Amino acid sequence: VVDQILDEIRSIRDHQDRSNPNGGGGGFTL
């Protein structure tokens, strides 16, 4: 279960990186 939660978080982080190559990290938006 933890692995699947982490996969979901990584997927969102990857999208952050693609949308904002110079930023990302920190908290998540609503």
PDB file of all heavy atoms in Angstrom:
ATOM      1  N   VAL A   1       0.833  -1.198   0.000  1.00  0.00           N
ATOM      2  CA  VAL A   1       0.000   0.000   0.000  1.00  0.00           C
ATOM      3  C   VAL A   1       0.873   1.256   0.000  1.00  0.00           C
ATOM      4  O   VAL A   1       0.615   2.214  -0.732  1.00  0.00           O
ATOM      5  CB  VAL A   1      -0.949  -0.002   1.223  1.00  0.00           C
ATOM      6  CG1 VAL A   1      -1.669   1.339   1.355  1.00  0.00           C
ATOM      7  CG2 VAL A   1      -1.961  -1.140   1.102  1.00  0.00           C
ATOM      8  N   VAL A   2       1.931   1.244   0.834  1.00  0.00           N
ATOM      9  CA  VAL A   2       2.853   2.380   0.878  1.00  0.00           C
ATOM     10  C   VAL A   2       3.482   2.606  -0.495  1.00  0.00           C
ATOM     11  O   VAL A   2       3.593   3.753  -0.953  1.00  0.00           O
ATOM     12  CB  VAL A   2       3.948   2.157   1.939  1.00  0.00           C
ATOM     13  CG1 VAL A   2       4.982   3.283   1.901  1.00  0.00           C
ATOM     14  CG2 VAL A   2       3.331   2.063   3.334  1.00  0.00           C
ATOM     15  N   ASP A   3       3.871   1.527  -1.176  1.00  0.00           N
ATOM     16  CA  ASP A   3       4.482   1.651  -2.505  1.00  0.00           C
ATOM     17  C   ASP A   3       3.529   2.307  -3.500  1.00  0.00           C
ATOM     18  O   ASP A   3       3.946   3.153  -4.310  1.00  0.00           O
ATOM     19  CB  ASP A   3       4.908   0.279  -3.018  1.00  0.00           C
ATOM     20  CG  ASP A   3       6.145  -0.259  -2.304  1.00  0.00           C
ATOM     21  OD1 ASP A   3       6.844   0.540  -1.650  1.00  0.00           O
ATOM     22  OD2 ASP A   3       6.404  -1.469  -2.398  1.00  0.00           O
ATOM     23  N   GLN A   4       2.261   1.942  -3.431  1.00  0.00           N
ATOM     24  CA  GLN A   4       1.302   2.532  -4.376  1.00  0.00           C
ATOM     25  C   GLN A   4       1.042   4.006  -4.057  1.00  0.00           C
ATOM     26  O   GLN A   4       0.836   4.810  -4.972  1.00  0.00           O
ATOM     27  CB  GLN A   4      -0.011   1.741  -4.342  1.00  0.00           C
ATOM     28  CG  GLN A   4       0.137   0.331  -4.905  1.00  0.00           C
ATOM     29  CD  GLN A   4      -1.192  -0.319  -5.228  1.00  0.00           C
ATOM     30  OE1 GLN A   4      -1.918   0.140  -6.108  1.00  0.00           O
ATOM     31  NE2 GLN A   4      -1.516  -1.380  -4.518  1.00  0.00           N
ATOM     32  N   ILE A   5       1.059   4.362  -2.780  1.00  0.00           N
ATOM     33  CA  ILE A   5       0.928   5.775  -2.416  1.00  0.00           C
ATOM     34  C   ILE A   5       2.124   6.556  -2.942  1.00  0.00           C
ATOM     35  O   ILE A   5       1.981   7.654  -3.499  1.00  0.00           O
ATOM     36  CB  ILE A   5       0.807   5.932  -0.887  1.00  0.00           C
ATOM     37  CG1 ILE A   5      -0.504   5.325  -0.392  1.00  0.00           C
ATOM     38  CG2 ILE A   5       0.885   7.415  -0.486  1.00  0.00           C
ATOM     39  CD1 ILE A   5      -0.625   5.265   1.118  1.00  0.00           C
ATOM     40  N   LEU A   6       3.320   5.990  -2.778  1.00  0.00           N
ATOM     41  CA  LEU A   6       4.533   6.660  -3.259  1.00  0.00           C
ATOM     42  C   LEU A   6       4.528   6.787  -4.778  1.00  0.00           C
ATOM     43  O   LEU A   6       4.975   7.807  -5.324  1.00  0.00           O
ATOM     44  CB  LEU A   6       5.765   5.902  -2.787  1.00  0.00           C
ATOM     45  CG  LEU A   6       6.050   5.943  -1.277  1.00  0.00           C
ATOM     46  CD1 LEU A   6       7.222   5.038  -0.934  1.00  0.00           C
ATOM     47  CD2 LEU A   6       6.335   7.375  -0.831  1.00  0.00           C
ATOM     48  N   ASP A   7       4.039   5.778  -5.472  1.00  0.00           N
ATOM     49  CA  ASP A   7       3.938   5.858  -6.939  1.00  0.00           C
ATOM     50  C   ASP A   7       3.030   7.023  -7.344  1.00  0.00           C
ATOM     51  O   ASP A   7       3.324   7.751  -8.304  1.00  0.00           O
ATOM     52  CB  ASP A   7       3.383   4.547  -7.504  1.00  0.00           C
ATOM     53  CG  ASP A   7       4.409   3.429  -7.487  1.00  0.00           C
ATOM     54  OD1 ASP A   7       5.616   3.714  -7.323  1.00  0.00           O
ATOM     55  OD2 ASP A   7       3.999   2.248  -7.612  1.00  0.00           O
ATOM     56  N   GLU A   8       1.945   7.190  -6.618  1.00  0.00           N
ATOM     57  CA  GLU A   8       1.016   8.270  -6.919  1.00  0.00           C
ATOM     58  C   GLU A   8       1.669   9.632  -6.669  1.00  0.00           C
ATOM     59  O   GLU A   8       1.522  10.569  -7.470  1.00  0.00           O
ATOM     60  CB  GLU A   8      -0.231   8.110  -6.043  1.00  0.00           C
ATOM     61  CG  GLU A   8      -1.379   9.019  -6.390  1.00  0.00           C
ATOM     62  CD  GLU A   8      -2.634   8.625  -5.634  1.00  0.00           C
ATOM     63  OE1 GLU A   8      -2.597   8.634  -4.376  1.00  0.00           O
ATOM     64  OE2 GLU A   8      -3.654   8.316  -6.280  1.00  0.00           O
ATOM     65  N   ILE A   9       2.424   9.739  -5.578  1.00  0.00           N
ATOM     66  CA  ILE A   9       3.115  10.997  -5.267  1.00  0.00           C
ATOM     67  C   ILE A   9       4.160  11.299  -6.333  1.00  0.00           C
ATOM     68  O   ILE A   9       4.282  12.443  -6.800  1.00  0.00           O
ATOM     69  CB  ILE A   9       3.771  10.910  -3.875  1.00  0.00           C
ATOM     70  CG1 ILE A   9       2.690  10.858  -2.790  1.00  0.00           C
ATOM     71  CG2 ILE A   9       4.701  12.104  -3.629  1.00  0.00           C
ATOM     72  CD1 ILE A   9       3.231  10.585  -1.398  1.00  0.00           C
ATOM     73  N   ARG A  10       4.924  10.281  -6.748  1.00  0.00           N
ATOM     74  CA  ARG A  10       5.950  10.488  -7.775  1.00  0.00           C
ATOM     75  C   ARG A  10       5.333  10.947  -9.091  1.00  0.00           C
ATOM     76  O   ARG A  10       5.901  11.786  -9.808  1.00  0.00           O
ATOM     77  CB  ARG A  10       6.733   9.195  -7.998  1.00  0.00           C
ATOM     78  CG  ARG A  10       7.607   8.786  -6.818  1.00  0.00           C
ATOM     79  CD  ARG A  10       8.523   7.635  -7.200  1.00  0.00           C
ATOM     80  NE  ARG A  10       9.054   6.986  -6.018  1.00  0.00           N
ATOM     81  CZ  ARG A  10       8.591   5.853  -5.497  1.00  0.00           C
ATOM     82  NH1 ARG A  10       7.562   5.237  -6.082  1.00  0.00           N
ATOM     83  NH2 ARG A  10       9.133   5.338  -4.416  1.00  0.00           N
ATOM     84  N   SER A  11       4.191  10.378  -9.430  1.00  0.00           N
ATOM     85  CA  SER A  11       3.528  10.760 -10.670  1.00  0.00           C
ATOM     86  C   SER A  11       3.170  12.250 -10.659  1.00  0.00           C
ATOM     87  O   SER A  11       3.347  12.955 -11.663  1.00  0.00           O
ATOM     88  CB  SER A  11       2.260   9.915 -10.858  1.00  0.00           C
ATOM     89  OG  SER A  11       1.539  10.334 -11.997  1.00  0.00           O
ATOM     90  N   ILE A  12       2.691  12.725  -9.517  1.00  0.00           N
ATOM     91  CA  ILE A  12       2.340  14.138  -9.402  1.00  0.00           C
ATOM     92  C   ILE A  12       3.589  15.009  -9.402  1.00  0.00           C
ATOM     93  O   ILE A  12       3.628  16.081 -10.019  1.00  0.00           O
ATOM     94  CB  ILE A  12       1.496  14.369  -8.134  1.00  0.00           C
ATOM     95  CG1 ILE A  12       0.123  13.698  -8.310  1.00  0.00           C
ATOM     96  CG2 ILE A  12       1.337  15.861  -7.827  1.00  0.00           C
ATOM     97  CD1 ILE A  12      -0.732  13.696  -7.080  1.00  0.00           C
ATOM     98  N   ARG A  13       4.652  14.558  -8.746  1.00  0.00           N
ATOM     99  CA  ARG A  13       5.915  15.304  -8.755  1.00  0.00           C
ATOM    100  C   ARG A  13       6.485  15.382 -10.181  1.00  0.00           C
ATOM    101  O   ARG A  13       7.015  16.424 -10.585  1.00  0.00           O
ATOM    102  CB  ARG A  13       6.932  14.633  -7.839  1.00  0.00           C
ATOM    103  CG  ARG A  13       6.666  14.784  -6.353  1.00  0.00           C
ATOM    104  CD  ARG A  13       6.707  16.223  -5.914  1.00  0.00           C
ATOM    105  NE  ARG A  13       6.707  16.361  -4.457  1.00  0.00           N
ATOM    106  CZ  ARG A  13       6.357  17.454  -3.806  1.00  0.00           C
ATOM    107  NH1 ARG A  13       5.970  18.532  -4.488  1.00  0.00           N
ATOM    108  NH2 ARG A  13       6.384  17.495  -2.484  1.00  0.00           N
ATOM    109  N   ASP A  14       6.369  14.297 -10.919  1.00  0.00           N
ATOM    110  CA  ASP A  14       6.855  14.302 -12.305  1.00  0.00           C
ATOM    111  C   ASP A  14       6.097  15.334 -13.134  1.00  0.00           C
ATOM    112  O   ASP A  14       6.690  16.047 -13.950  1.00  0.00           O
ATOM    113  CB  ASP A  14       6.695  12.914 -12.934  1.00  0.00           C
ATOM    114  CG  ASP A  14       7.669  11.901 -12.356  1.00  0.00           C
ATOM    115  OD1 ASP A  14       8.659  12.328 -11.715  1.00  0.00           O
ATOM    116  OD2 ASP A  14       7.436  10.696 -12.533  1.00  0.00           O
ATOM    117  N   HIS A  15       4.802  15.417 -12.893  1.00  0.00           N
ATOM    118  CA  HIS A  15       4.002  16.406 -13.617  1.00  0.00           C
ATOM    119  C   HIS A  15       4.410  17.815 -13.217  1.00  0.00           C
ATOM    120  O   HIS A  15       4.464  18.724 -14.059  1.00  0.00           O
ATOM    121  CB  HIS A  15       2.515  16.182 -13.334  1.00  0.00           C
ATOM    122  CG  HIS A  15       1.613  17.105 -14.087  1.00  0.00           C
ATOM    123  ND1 HIS A  15       1.151  18.297 -13.565  1.00  0.00           N
ATOM    124  CD2 HIS A  15       1.098  17.022 -15.356  1.00  0.00           C
ATOM    125  CE1 HIS A  15       0.391  18.899 -14.445  1.00  0.00           C
ATOM    126  NE2 HIS A  15       0.332  18.153 -15.544  1.00  0.00           N
ATOM    127  N   GLN A  16       4.711  18.017 -11.928  1.00  0.00           N
ATOM    128  CA  GLN A  16       5.200  19.319 -11.467  1.00  0.00           C
ATOM    129  C   GLN A  16       6.484  19.701 -12.199  1.00  0.00           C
ATOM    130  O   GLN A  16       6.650  20.838 -12.647  1.00  0.00           O
ATOM    131  CB  GLN A  16       5.462  19.295  -9.954  1.00  0.00           C
ATOM    132  CG  GLN A  16       4.237  19.340  -9.073  1.00  0.00           C
ATOM    133  CD  GLN A  16       4.622  19.328  -7.596  1.00  0.00           C
ATOM    134  OE1 GLN A  16       5.731  18.951  -7.231  1.00  0.00           O
ATOM    135  NE2 GLN A  16       3.693  19.727  -6.744  1.00  0.00           N
ATOM    136  N   ASP A  17       7.400  18.738 -12.294  1.00  0.00           N
ATOM    137  CA  ASP A  17       8.693  19.009 -12.927  1.00  0.00           C
ATOM    138  C   ASP A  17       8.528  19.371 -14.397  1.00  0.00           C
ATOM    139  O   ASP A  17       9.232  20.248 -14.924  1.00  0.00           O
ATOM    140  CB  ASP A  17       9.607  17.792 -12.796  1.00  0.00           C
ATOM    141  CG  ASP A  17      10.021  17.540 -11.342  1.00  0.00           C
ATOM    142  OD1 ASP A  17       9.916  18.477 -10.538  1.00  0.00           O
ATOM    143  OD2 ASP A  17      10.422  16.398 -11.033  1.00  0.00           O
ATOM    144  N   ARG A  18       7.595  18.688 -15.079  1.00  0.00           N
ATOM    145  CA  ARG A  18       7.366  18.993 -16.487  1.00  0.00           C
ATOM    146  C   ARG A  18       6.715  20.365 -16.662  1.00  0.00           C
ATOM    147  O   ARG A  18       7.017  21.089 -17.601  1.00  0.00           O
ATOM    148  CB  ARG A  18       6.486  17.913 -17.128  1.00  0.00           C
ATOM    149  CG  ARG A  18       7.169  16.553 -17.261  1.00  0.00           C
ATOM    150  CD  ARG A  18       6.373  15.638 -18.166  1.00  0.00           C
ATOM    151  NE  ARG A  18       5.052  15.366 -17.626  1.00  0.00           N
ATOM    152  CZ  ARG A  18       4.761  14.367 -16.805  1.00  0.00           C
ATOM    153  NH1 ARG A  18       5.743  13.545 -16.407  1.00  0.00           N
ATOM    154  NH2 ARG A  18       3.538  14.173 -16.363  1.00  0.00           N
ATOM    155  N   SER A  19       5.839  20.722 -15.740  1.00  0.00           N
ATOM    156  CA  SER A  19       5.134  21.996 -15.835  1.00  0.00           C
ATOM    157  C   SER A  19       5.992  23.168 -15.405  1.00  0.00           C
ATOM    158  O   SER A  19       5.830  24.295 -15.892  1.00  0.00           O
ATOM    159  CB  SER A  19       3.858  21.956 -14.975  1.00  0.00           C
ATOM    160  OG  SER A  19       3.015  20.913 -15.376  1.00  0.00           O
ATOM    161  N   ASN A  20       6.909  22.900 -14.474  1.00  0.00           N
ATOM    162  CA  ASN A  20       7.733  23.972 -13.917  1.00  0.00           C
ATOM    163  C   ASN A  20       9.154  23.458 -13.702  1.00  0.00           C
ATOM    164  O   ASN A  20       9.520  23.101 -12.566  1.00  0.00           O
ATOM    165  CB  ASN A  20       7.119  24.482 -12.608  1.00  0.00           C
ATOM    166  CG  ASN A  20       7.872  25.675 -12.037  1.00  0.00           C
ATOM    167  OD1 ASN A  20       8.675  26.311 -12.727  1.00  0.00           O
ATOM    168  ND2 ASN A  20       7.629  25.962 -10.771  1.00  0.00           N
ATOM    169  N   PRO A  21       9.962  23.408 -14.756  1.00  0.00           N
ATOM    170  CA  PRO A  21      11.306  22.831 -14.654  1.00  0.00           C
ATOM    171  C   PRO A  21      12.193  23.532 -13.633  1.00  0.00           C
ATOM    172  O   PRO A  21      13.111  22.923 -13.087  1.00  0.00           O
ATOM    173  CB  PRO A  21      11.874  22.993 -16.074  1.00  0.00           C
ATOM    174  CG  PRO A  21      10.669  23.162 -16.948  1.00  0.00           C
ATOM    175  CD  PRO A  21       9.647  23.869 -16.120  1.00  0.00           C
ATOM    176  N   ASN A  22      11.931  24.790 -13.353  1.00  0.00           N
ATOM    177  CA  ASN A  22      12.787  25.550 -12.435  1.00  0.00           C
ATOM    178  C   ASN A  22      12.275  25.556 -10.992  1.00  0.00           C
ATOM    179  O   ASN A  22      12.881  26.163 -10.117  1.00  0.00           O
ATOM    180  CB  ASN A  22      12.909  27.002 -12.924  1.00  0.00           C
ATOM    181  CG  ASN A  22      13.547  27.093 -14.291  1.00  0.00           C
ATOM    182  OD1 ASN A  22      14.493  26.365 -14.583  1.00  0.00           O
ATOM    183  ND2 ASN A  22      13.024  27.984 -15.131  1.00  0.00           N
ATOM    184  N   GLY A  23      11.142  24.911 -10.741  1.00  0.00           N
ATOM    185  CA  GLY A  23      10.559  24.941  -9.395  1.00  0.00           C
ATOM    186  C   GLY A  23      10.189  23.546  -8.944  1.00  0.00           C
ATOM    187  O   GLY A  23      10.912  22.591  -9.164  1.00  0.00           O
ATOM    188  N   GLY A  24       9.015  23.427  -8.333  1.00  0.00           N
ATOM    189  CA  GLY A  24       8.569  22.126  -7.844  1.00  0.00           C
ATOM    190  C   GLY A  24       8.997  21.891  -6.412  1.00  0.00           C
ATOM    191  O   GLY A  24       9.650  22.704  -5.783  1.00  0.00           O
ATOM    192  N   GLY A  25       8.617  20.722  -5.903  1.00  0.00           N
ATOM    193  CA  GLY A  25       8.924  20.403  -4.520  1.00  0.00           C
ATOM    194  C   GLY A  25       7.977  21.124  -3.582  1.00  0.00           C
ATOM    195  O   GLY A  25       7.029  21.777  -3.990  1.00  0.00           O
ATOM    196  N   GLY A  26       8.237  21.029  -2.309  1.00  0.00           N
ATOM    197  CA  GLY A  26       7.389  21.681  -1.328  1.00  0.00           C
ATOM    198  C   GLY A  26       6.053  20.983  -1.195  1.00  0.00           C
ATOM    199  O   GLY A  26       5.906  19.802  -1.512  1.00  0.00           O
ATOM    200  N   GLY A  27       5.045  21.723  -0.723  1.00  0.00           N
ATOM    201  CA  GLY A  27       3.734  21.137  -0.531  1.00  0.00           C
ATOM    202  C   GLY A  27       2.973  20.963  -1.826  1.00  0.00           C
ATOM    203  O   GLY A  27       3.402  21.395  -2.900  1.00  0.00           O
ATOM    204  N   PHE A  28       1.819  20.336  -1.727  1.00  0.00           N
ATOM    205  CA  PHE A  28       0.980  20.092  -2.890  1.00  0.00           C
ATOM    206  C   PHE A  28      -0.178  21.089  -2.902  1.00  0.00           C
ATOM    207  O   PHE A  28      -0.629  21.551  -1.860  1.00  0.00           O
ATOM    208  CB  PHE A  28       0.425  18.664  -2.859  1.00  0.00           C
ATOM    209  CG  PHE A  28       1.479  17.606  -2.962  1.00  0.00           C
ATOM    210  CD1 PHE A  28       1.978  16.986  -1.819  1.00  0.00           C
ATOM    211  CD2 PHE A  28       1.984  17.221  -4.196  1.00  0.00           C
ATOM    212  CE1 PHE A  28       2.945  16.006  -1.905  1.00  0.00           C
ATOM    213  CE2 PHE A  28       2.956  16.241  -4.294  1.00  0.00           C
ATOM    214  CZ  PHE A  28       3.442  15.635  -3.144  1.00  0.00           C
ATOM    215  N   THR A  29      -0.657  21.385  -4.088  1.00  0.00           N
ATOM    216  CA  THR A  29      -1.812  22.274  -4.224  1.00  0.00           C
ATOM    217  C   THR A  29      -3.090  21.494  -3.925  1.00  0.00           C
ATOM    218  O   THR A  29      -3.089  20.251  -3.847  1.00  0.00           O
ATOM    219  CB  THR A  29      -1.896  22.853  -5.637  1.00  0.00           C
ATOM    220  OG1 THR A  29      -2.155  21.780  -6.576  1.00  0.00           O
ATOM    221  CG2 THR A  29      -0.596  23.559  -6.021  1.00  0.00           C
ATOM    222  N   LEU A  30      -4.198  22.226  -3.786  1.00  0.00           N
ATOM    223  CA  LEU A  30      -5.489  21.574  -3.576  1.00  0.00           C
ATOM    224  C   LEU A  30      -5.815  20.619  -4.718  1.00  0.00           C
ATOM    225  O   LEU A  30      -6.303  19.506  -4.503  1.00  0.00           O
ATOM    226  CB  LEU A  30      -6.599  22.626  -3.435  1.00  0.00           C
ATOM    227  CG  LEU A  30      -6.651  23.422  -2.123  1.00  0.00           C
ATOM    228  CD1 LEU A  30      -7.644  24.568  -2.251  1.00  0.00           C
ATOM    229  CD2 LEU A  30      -7.028  22.520  -0.963  1.00  0.00           C
TER     230      LEU A  30
END
